[in-house]
Protein backbone atom coordinates (compact mmCIF):
# COMPACT_ATOMS: atom_id res chain seq x y z
CA UNK A 1 -6.23 9.92 18.81
CA UNK A 2 -9.58 9.43 17.07
CA UNK A 3 -9.96 6.73 14.42
CA UNK A 4 -10.94 9.34 11.81
CA UNK A 5 -7.74 11.30 12.49
CA UNK A 6 -5.57 8.18 12.51
CA UNK A 7 -6.71 6.80 9.12
CA UNK A 8 -6.19 9.58 6.55
CA UNK A 9 -7.30 7.98 3.26
CA UNK A 10 -7.26 4.70 1.36
CA UNK A 11 -4.55 4.23 -1.25
CA UNK A 12 -5.91 3.07 -4.60
CA UNK A 13 -2.89 2.18 -6.73
CA UNK A 14 -1.96 -0.70 -9.01
CA UNK A 15 0.06 -2.37 -6.27
CA UNK A 16 -2.75 -1.90 -3.73
CA UNK A 17 -5.28 -3.40 -6.15
CA UNK A 18 -3.07 -6.46 -6.74
CA UNK A 19 -2.62 -6.94 -3.00
CA UNK A 20 -6.36 -6.65 -2.40
CA UNK A 21 -7.09 -9.35 -4.99
CA UNK A 22 -4.23 -11.70 -4.07
CA UNK A 23 -4.05 -11.59 -0.27
CA UNK A 24 -7.06 -9.52 0.92
CA UNK A 25 -4.74 -6.67 1.96
CA UNK A 26 -5.90 -3.04 1.91
CA UNK A 27 -3.58 0.01 1.93
CA UNK A 28 -4.16 3.24 3.84
CA UNK A 29 -2.32 6.46 4.49
CA UNK A 30 -2.14 6.85 8.26
CA UNK A 31 -0.86 9.42 10.75
CA UNK A 32 2.92 9.50 11.17
CA UNK A 33 2.59 8.83 14.92
CA UNK A 34 0.38 5.74 14.47
CA UNK A 35 1.48 2.26 15.51
CA UNK A 36 0.20 -1.19 14.46
CA UNK A 37 -2.16 -1.67 17.39
CA UNK A 38 -3.80 1.74 16.91
CA UNK A 39 -4.23 1.15 13.16
CA UNK A 40 -5.83 -2.27 13.72
CA UNK A 41 -8.28 -0.87 16.29
CA UNK A 42 -9.16 2.10 14.06
CA UNK A 43 -9.86 -0.11 11.01
CA UNK A 44 -12.03 -2.43 13.11
CA UNK A 45 -13.94 0.52 14.54
CA UNK A 46 -14.45 2.39 11.24
CA UNK A 47 -15.25 -0.51 8.90
CA UNK A 48 -16.38 -3.30 11.26
CA UNK A 49 -13.98 -5.91 9.87
CA UNK A 50 -11.56 -8.37 11.52
CA UNK A 51 -7.90 -7.42 11.05
CA UNK A 52 -5.37 -10.28 10.88
CA UNK A 53 -2.10 -8.39 10.31
CA UNK A 54 -0.80 -4.81 9.97
CA UNK A 55 2.47 -3.72 8.34
CA UNK A 56 3.67 -0.11 8.38
CA UNK A 57 6.04 1.70 6.01
CA UNK A 58 7.50 5.17 6.48
CA UNK A 59 7.75 7.21 3.26
CA UNK A 60 10.27 10.03 3.21
CA UNK A 61 9.28 13.33 1.63
CA UNK A 62 10.73 13.90 -1.83
CA UNK A 63 12.92 16.88 -2.64
CA UNK A 64 11.29 19.06 -5.31
CA UNK A 65 12.56 22.08 -7.18
CA UNK A 66 10.48 25.01 -8.41
CA UNK A 67 12.85 27.05 -10.53
CA UNK A 68 15.73 28.05 -8.29
CA UNK A 69 13.84 27.26 -5.08
CA UNK A 70 14.27 23.91 -3.38
CA UNK A 71 11.68 22.37 -1.05
CA UNK A 72 10.67 19.07 0.42
CA UNK A 73 7.31 17.32 0.52
CA UNK A 74 6.08 16.02 3.87
CA UNK A 75 6.95 12.53 5.05
CA UNK A 76 4.01 10.15 5.53
CA UNK A 77 3.22 6.63 6.69
CA UNK A 78 1.55 3.80 4.80
CA UNK A 79 -0.31 0.86 6.39
CA UNK A 80 -0.88 -2.52 4.77
CA UNK A 81 -3.86 -4.10 6.57
CA UNK A 82 -4.57 -7.79 5.94
CA UNK A 83 -8.17 -8.75 6.61
CA UNK A 84 -9.65 -12.11 7.57
CA UNK A 85 -10.51 -14.31 4.54
CA UNK A 86 -14.27 -13.72 4.82
CA UNK A 87 -13.99 -9.93 5.35
CA UNK A 88 -13.73 -7.15 2.76
CA UNK A 89 -13.87 -3.35 2.46
CA UNK A 90 -15.54 -1.82 -0.61
CA UNK A 91 -14.50 1.76 -1.35
CA UNK A 92 -16.55 2.26 -4.53
CA UNK A 93 -19.89 0.58 -3.97
CA UNK A 94 -22.33 0.84 -6.84
CA UNK A 95 -19.92 2.44 -9.34
C-alpha cells in the first residue's frame, strides 16, 4: 500500500495538541488495515522524520439515527506517532 493511501489525515484535536507539546507525539487517521511497521515507514517517507514509537487505536463506528432510520458510521484507526526529540512535523506553516 502506498504511503499516501496509508496515512489518511492528521488529527488536530485538543488531546493531540497536548500530546504534541508534552511528548512530541503526532496523531493521524490511518487505513484500517495498517500495522505499526507500515505506519512508521510511511511517516518517515512522507515527512522525512525519525519515528521512535507507534501506537494504534481502533475506533468503532457510532450508531446514528436520522428520524426513524438507524445507521452506523464507519470504523477507523488512529495512530499515535512519537518522534525523536529533535524532530517535528509542522502542519500549518506560516499561519
